[in-house]
Protein backbone atom coordinates (compact mmCIF):
# COMPACT_ATOMS: atom_id res chain seq x y z
CA UNK A 1 125.99 110.55 -130.97
CA UNK A 2 126.94 113.66 -133.00
CA UNK A 3 124.73 114.68 -135.82
CA UNK A 4 126.90 114.87 -138.89
CA UNK A 5 126.55 114.75 -142.72
CA UNK A 6 129.32 114.08 -145.14
CA UNK A 7 131.28 117.15 -146.35
CA UNK A 8 130.75 118.05 -149.97
CA UNK A 9 133.06 120.22 -151.68
CA UNK A 10 132.51 121.18 -155.23
CA UNK A 11 135.83 122.21 -157.02
CA UNK A 12 135.11 124.49 -159.89
CA UNK A 13 138.58 126.01 -160.33
CA UNK A 14 142.06 124.39 -159.29
CA UNK A 15 142.54 127.39 -156.98
CA UNK A 16 139.79 125.79 -154.60
CA UNK A 17 141.38 122.22 -154.91
CA UNK A 18 143.63 122.99 -151.80
CA UNK A 19 140.71 123.91 -149.60
CA UNK A 20 140.01 121.13 -147.19
CA UNK A 21 138.80 120.33 -143.80
CA UNK A 22 136.70 117.85 -141.81
CA UNK A 23 135.20 114.85 -143.60
CA UNK A 24 131.97 115.70 -142.06
CA UNK A 25 129.84 118.71 -141.36
CA UNK A 26 128.46 118.86 -137.91
CA UNK A 27 124.94 119.98 -137.25
CA UNK A 28 125.26 121.86 -134.01
CA UNK A 29 121.46 122.56 -133.74
CA UNK A 30 118.30 122.17 -135.47
CA UNK A 31 114.91 123.61 -134.71
CA UNK A 32 114.86 127.25 -135.99
CA UNK A 33 112.38 128.53 -138.51
CA UNK A 34 114.88 130.85 -140.26
CA UNK A 35 118.47 130.91 -138.94
CA UNK A 36 120.49 134.02 -139.48
CA UNK A 37 123.18 136.21 -138.48
CA UNK A 38 125.89 134.13 -136.67
CA UNK A 39 128.62 135.90 -134.64
CA UNK A 40 131.21 134.35 -132.72
CA UNK A 41 132.52 135.76 -129.32
CA UNK A 42 136.14 134.66 -129.02
CA UNK A 43 136.53 135.89 -125.36
CA UNK A 44 133.69 133.39 -124.32
CA UNK A 45 134.05 130.79 -126.85
CA UNK A 46 130.51 131.06 -127.96
CA UNK A 47 128.29 131.70 -130.86
CA UNK A 48 125.18 133.77 -131.10
CA UNK A 49 122.73 133.55 -134.00
CA UNK A 50 119.25 134.77 -134.86
CA UNK A 51 115.95 132.72 -135.38
CA UNK A 52 114.12 135.48 -137.01
CA UNK A 53 110.22 134.22 -137.28
CA UNK A 54 110.56 132.95 -133.74
CA UNK A 55 111.80 136.30 -132.56
CA UNK A 56 114.74 134.95 -130.66
CA UNK A 57 118.45 134.77 -130.58
CA UNK A 58 120.24 131.48 -129.49
CA UNK A 59 123.68 130.97 -127.87
CA UNK A 60 125.83 127.77 -128.63
CA UNK A 61 128.75 127.08 -126.17
CA UNK A 62 131.97 125.64 -127.60
CA UNK A 63 133.14 123.98 -124.47
CA UNK A 64 129.88 122.19 -123.75
CA UNK A 65 128.06 121.97 -127.12
CA UNK A 66 124.87 123.22 -125.37
CA UNK A 67 122.36 125.62 -126.94
CA UNK A 68 120.24 127.94 -124.90
CA UNK A 69 118.30 131.23 -125.28
CA UNK A 70 120.41 134.40 -125.60
CA UNK A 71 117.67 136.84 -125.95
CA UNK A 72 113.96 136.69 -126.49
CA UNK A 73 112.01 138.63 -127.66
CA UNK A 74 114.77 140.01 -129.78
CA UNK A 75 112.97 142.47 -132.14
CA UNK A 76 113.23 139.89 -134.93
CA UNK A 77 116.94 140.46 -135.28
CA UNK A 78 118.64 139.47 -138.27
CA UNK A 79 122.42 139.93 -138.95
CA UNK A 80 124.89 140.46 -136.18
CA UNK A 81 128.58 141.46 -135.77
CA UNK A 82 131.13 142.68 -133.21
CA UNK A 83 132.53 146.14 -133.11
CA UNK A 84 136.17 147.14 -132.16
CA UNK A 85 135.43 146.66 -128.55
CA UNK A 86 133.78 143.20 -128.84
CA UNK A 87 130.52 144.59 -128.44
CA UNK A 88 127.45 143.01 -130.24
CA UNK A 89 125.96 145.13 -133.19
CA UNK A 90 122.62 143.81 -134.16
CA UNK A 91 120.26 144.61 -137.07
CA UNK A 92 116.63 144.49 -135.44
CA UNK A 93 114.15 144.04 -138.32
CA UNK A 94 110.98 144.18 -136.08
CA UNK A 95 112.12 147.33 -134.19
CA UNK A 96 113.50 148.87 -137.41
CA UNK A 97 116.83 149.81 -135.76
CA UNK A 98 120.64 148.90 -135.51
CA UNK A 99 121.69 148.42 -131.96
CA UNK A 100 124.84 147.85 -129.84
CA UNK A 101 124.71 145.60 -126.73
CA UNK A 102 127.01 147.09 -124.14
CA UNK A 103 129.35 144.93 -121.87
CA UNK A 104 126.85 145.37 -119.07
CA UNK A 105 123.97 144.07 -121.19
CA UNK A 106 122.15 147.49 -121.91
CA UNK A 107 121.20 148.21 -125.34
CA UNK A 108 122.11 151.52 -127.40
CA UNK A 109 120.24 152.42 -130.21
CA UNK A 110 122.82 153.47 -133.06
CA UNK A 111 120.15 154.25 -135.81
CA UNK A 112 116.67 154.01 -136.22
CA UNK A 113 115.79 156.87 -138.68
CA UNK A 114 117.19 158.79 -141.70
CA UNK A 115 116.26 162.33 -141.97
CA UNK A 116 113.33 161.76 -139.46
CA UNK A 117 111.86 158.85 -141.20
CA UNK A 118 111.91 155.26 -139.75
CA UNK A 119 114.29 152.82 -141.37
CA UNK A 120 112.70 149.84 -143.29
CA UNK A 121 114.11 146.84 -141.45
CA UNK A 122 117.92 146.57 -141.09
CA UNK A 123 119.33 143.33 -142.33
CA UNK A 124 123.07 143.06 -142.11
CA UNK A 125 126.02 145.19 -140.72
CA UNK A 126 129.71 145.29 -140.72
CA UNK A 127 132.15 147.51 -138.72
CA UNK A 128 135.21 149.27 -140.26
CA UNK A 129 138.22 149.78 -138.36
CA UNK A 130 137.61 153.54 -137.98
CA UNK A 131 134.55 152.47 -135.84
CA UNK A 132 131.98 153.34 -138.59
CA UNK A 133 129.02 150.93 -138.82
CA UNK A 134 127.79 150.00 -142.36
CA UNK A 135 124.26 148.40 -142.77
CA UNK A 136 121.74 147.37 -145.38
CA UNK A 137 118.08 148.22 -145.01
CA UNK A 138 115.76 146.22 -147.27
CA UNK A 139 112.03 145.92 -146.42
CA UNK A 140 111.73 142.26 -145.48
CA UNK A 141 110.68 143.06 -141.88
CA UNK A 142 107.80 145.38 -142.85
CA UNK A 143 106.16 143.64 -145.80
CA UNK A 144 104.54 141.03 -143.53
CA UNK A 145 104.38 139.73 -140.04
CA UNK A 146 106.54 136.48 -140.47
CA UNK A 147 109.93 138.09 -139.77
CA UNK A 148 108.86 141.53 -138.53
CA UNK A 149 105.83 143.85 -138.07
CA UNK A 150 103.88 144.74 -141.14
CA UNK A 151 104.11 148.55 -141.52
CA UNK A 152 104.13 151.34 -144.07
CA UNK A 153 107.65 152.07 -145.69
CA UNK A 154 108.61 155.59 -144.89
CA UNK A 155 111.65 155.81 -146.85
CA UNK A 156 111.66 155.70 -150.68
CA UNK A 157 113.82 152.63 -151.33
CA UNK A 158 116.10 150.15 -149.89
CA UNK A 159 119.55 151.55 -149.35
CA UNK A 160 123.07 150.98 -147.78
CA UNK A 161 123.77 153.25 -144.81
CA UNK A 162 126.96 154.23 -142.78
CA UNK A 163 126.85 155.47 -139.21
CA UNK A 164 129.55 157.86 -138.38
CA UNK A 165 131.72 156.82 -135.39
CA UNK A 166 132.07 160.34 -134.04
CA UNK A 167 128.82 162.25 -134.79
CA UNK A 168 126.47 159.20 -134.91
CA UNK A 169 125.06 160.56 -138.23
CA UNK A 170 123.39 158.12 -140.33
CA UNK A 171 123.70 158.75 -144.20
CA UNK A 172 123.04 156.85 -147.38
CA UNK A 173 126.14 155.58 -149.13
CA UNK A 174 124.27 153.51 -151.90
CA UNK A 175 120.68 154.14 -153.19
CA UNK A 176 120.39 151.86 -156.14
CA UNK A 177 119.71 148.53 -154.79
CA UNK A 178 116.40 146.54 -154.75
CA UNK A 179 117.05 144.43 -151.72
CA UNK A 180 120.37 144.95 -150.40
CA UNK A 181 121.43 142.21 -148.01
CA UNK A 182 124.90 140.75 -146.75
CA UNK A 183 128.02 143.12 -146.90
CA UNK A 184 131.70 142.70 -146.18
CA UNK A 185 134.84 144.79 -146.48
CA UNK A 186 138.05 143.69 -148.36
CA UNK A 187 140.99 142.99 -146.17
CA UNK A 188 142.40 146.48 -146.70
CA UNK A 189 138.88 148.00 -146.36
CA UNK A 190 139.29 149.77 -149.81
CA UNK A 191 136.42 147.79 -151.06
CA UNK A 192 132.86 147.01 -150.01
CA UNK A 193 131.11 144.06 -151.28
CA UNK A 194 127.21 144.16 -151.09
CA UNK A 195 124.75 141.47 -152.11
CA UNK A 196 121.43 142.38 -153.89
CA UNK A 197 119.20 139.27 -153.25
CA UNK A 198 116.36 140.43 -155.54
CA UNK A 199 118.80 140.98 -158.53
CA UNK A 200 120.84 137.89 -157.63
CA UNK A 201 124.23 139.42 -157.63
CA UNK A 202 127.14 140.82 -155.58
CA UNK A 203 128.55 144.25 -156.12
CA UNK A 204 131.72 145.76 -155.10
CA UNK A 205 132.56 149.40 -154.40
CA UNK A 206 135.52 151.46 -153.93
CA UNK A 207 135.64 153.21 -150.32
CA UNK A 208 136.76 156.85 -150.43
CA UNK A 209 138.76 158.82 -147.94
CA UNK A 210 135.65 160.50 -146.77
CA UNK A 211 133.67 157.22 -146.23
CA UNK A 212 131.49 157.36 -149.49
CA UNK A 213 131.35 154.65 -152.16
CA UNK A 214 132.10 154.94 -155.88
CA UNK A 215 132.87 152.92 -159.05
CA UNK A 216 130.43 150.16 -158.18
CA UNK A 217 130.56 147.27 -160.35
CA UNK A 218 129.11 143.57 -160.61
CA UNK A 219 131.36 141.25 -158.81
CA UNK A 220 129.37 137.98 -159.07
CA UNK A 221 126.22 136.83 -160.43
CA UNK A 222 124.16 133.83 -159.30
CA UNK A 223 122.56 131.17 -161.28
CA UNK A 224 118.79 130.42 -160.97
CA UNK A 225 118.06 129.75 -157.29
CA UNK A 226 121.23 131.35 -156.00
CA UNK A 227 119.90 134.55 -154.37
CA UNK A 228 122.87 135.83 -152.43
CA UNK A 229 122.58 136.65 -148.64
CA UNK A 230 125.43 136.84 -146.10
CA UNK A 231 129.12 136.85 -146.87
CA UNK A 232 132.48 136.85 -145.14
CA UNK A 233 136.07 136.92 -146.19
CA UNK A 234 138.98 134.69 -145.44
CA UNK A 235 142.51 135.97 -144.82
CA UNK A 236 143.47 135.52 -148.48
CA UNK A 237 140.71 137.93 -149.59
CA UNK A 238 138.52 135.18 -150.95
CA UNK A 239 134.80 135.99 -150.70
CA UNK A 240 132.56 133.25 -148.93
CA UNK A 241 128.87 133.94 -149.84
CA UNK A 242 125.56 132.25 -148.79
CA UNK A 243 123.66 131.40 -152.04
CA UNK A 244 121.01 128.59 -152.41
CA UNK A 245 121.96 125.51 -150.51
CA UNK A 246 125.73 126.10 -150.63
CA UNK A 247 128.46 128.49 -149.59
CA UNK A 248 130.04 129.90 -152.68
CA UNK A 249 133.81 130.73 -152.59
CA UNK A 250 135.03 133.45 -154.98
CA UNK A 251 138.45 134.43 -155.84
CA UNK A 252 139.16 138.20 -155.35
CA UNK A 253 139.07 138.62 -159.20
CA UNK A 254 135.49 137.37 -159.09
CA UNK A 255 135.83 133.99 -160.28
CA UNK A 256 133.58 131.27 -158.49
CA UNK A 257 136.15 128.68 -157.77
CA UNK A 258 134.21 126.30 -155.42
CA UNK A 259 131.22 125.53 -153.14
CA UNK A 260 130.52 123.75 -149.86
CA UNK A 261 127.11 121.97 -150.46
CA UNK A 262 124.59 121.79 -147.64
CA UNK A 263 121.13 120.29 -147.35
CA UNK A 264 119.36 123.57 -146.48
CA UNK A 265 119.06 126.96 -147.93
CA UNK A 266 121.97 128.96 -146.44
CA UNK A 267 121.45 132.52 -144.96
CA UNK A 268 124.63 133.56 -143.36
CA UNK A 269 128.07 132.42 -142.08
CA UNK A 270 131.10 133.44 -139.97
CA UNK A 271 134.58 132.16 -139.35
CA UNK A 272 135.21 131.47 -135.59
CA UNK A 273 137.00 129.03 -133.13
CA UNK A 274 140.35 129.36 -131.61
CA UNK A 275 142.07 129.92 -134.92
CA UNK A 276 139.22 131.55 -136.86
CA UNK A 277 139.24 128.35 -139.07
CA UNK A 278 135.97 127.12 -138.03
CA UNK A 279 133.12 128.14 -140.45
CA UNK A 280 129.79 128.29 -138.84
CA UNK A 281 126.64 128.34 -141.33
CA UNK A 282 123.27 129.28 -140.36
CA UNK A 283 120.85 127.57 -142.85
CA UNK A 284 117.14 127.29 -142.74
CA UNK A 285 116.25 125.12 -139.53
CA UNK A 286 120.00 124.28 -138.54
CA UNK A 287 123.28 125.70 -137.57
CA UNK A 288 126.20 123.80 -139.12
CA UNK A 289 129.94 123.93 -138.50
CA UNK A 290 132.99 122.50 -140.22
CA UNK A 291 136.78 122.92 -139.37
CA UNK A 292 138.83 123.91 -142.39
CA UNK A 293 142.37 124.59 -143.47
CA UNK A 294 141.07 128.06 -144.30
CA UNK A 295 141.33 131.00 -141.84
CA UNK A 296 138.74 133.98 -141.54
CA UNK A 297 139.91 137.30 -142.02
CA UNK A 298 141.21 139.20 -139.11
CA UNK A 299 138.44 140.99 -137.45
CA UNK A 300 138.43 144.71 -136.49
CA UNK A 301 138.94 144.16 -132.84
CA UNK A 302 141.82 141.70 -133.30
């Protein structure tokens, strides 16, 4: 029998009233210690996500519903995404690097240092249509052994970085965060949203022609217990963000218009499925899924 829980939408604004979907949320898997970084592979109709403390990545098959190992050990991988060619981009907290898994399974290191110093512990990544890879680098993976390897911090601060698609140069694009975490581009890629978990807010920046950020401002602020983590956009430009025991939905103007409530602390999410209208949520010990009347933003490889 399928493991399900009743769907609980919380409508906070009439703009969310039209959001609907299945009457139940499916629990596709339970047994992780801290589920993170879901990424959907449309070519194979499967999803990969991270179980950070257990140092493994798992794979859920959409056709059979089965779950099995994808990679172990996995360098305490956290966030994952796909590049323009459908290759896996991963933030390996334990190995303190951002990698790309090639189609033949080999791993290419995209970034592990900045100006000769080792990165802290890359957390989440997003790819722009020009091929550049943007990632956050808080220190969660080096402050203890639970989700990485205890180590000295070599870089003064926790920053947001950009990897140039031509030269491979890694440079800082934002250096005034406490714990930068999830990030996502607006539909036209002129804005970059970045969560700061420690400060409990999401900031948004304008992306310039030369790939730098400017005019940063607060986009959303969380209530007590709502520490923002991963986020994705739908095809209307709304921001869906993990915060506390729910997925928050924000209008592009920054208004919190609704929530999808879940029983566990939510870490990250991704839209997938045949029509990109199946929302997958990685939350604490479980992976959840719900079919919606909402479609995820078109990915860079589409």
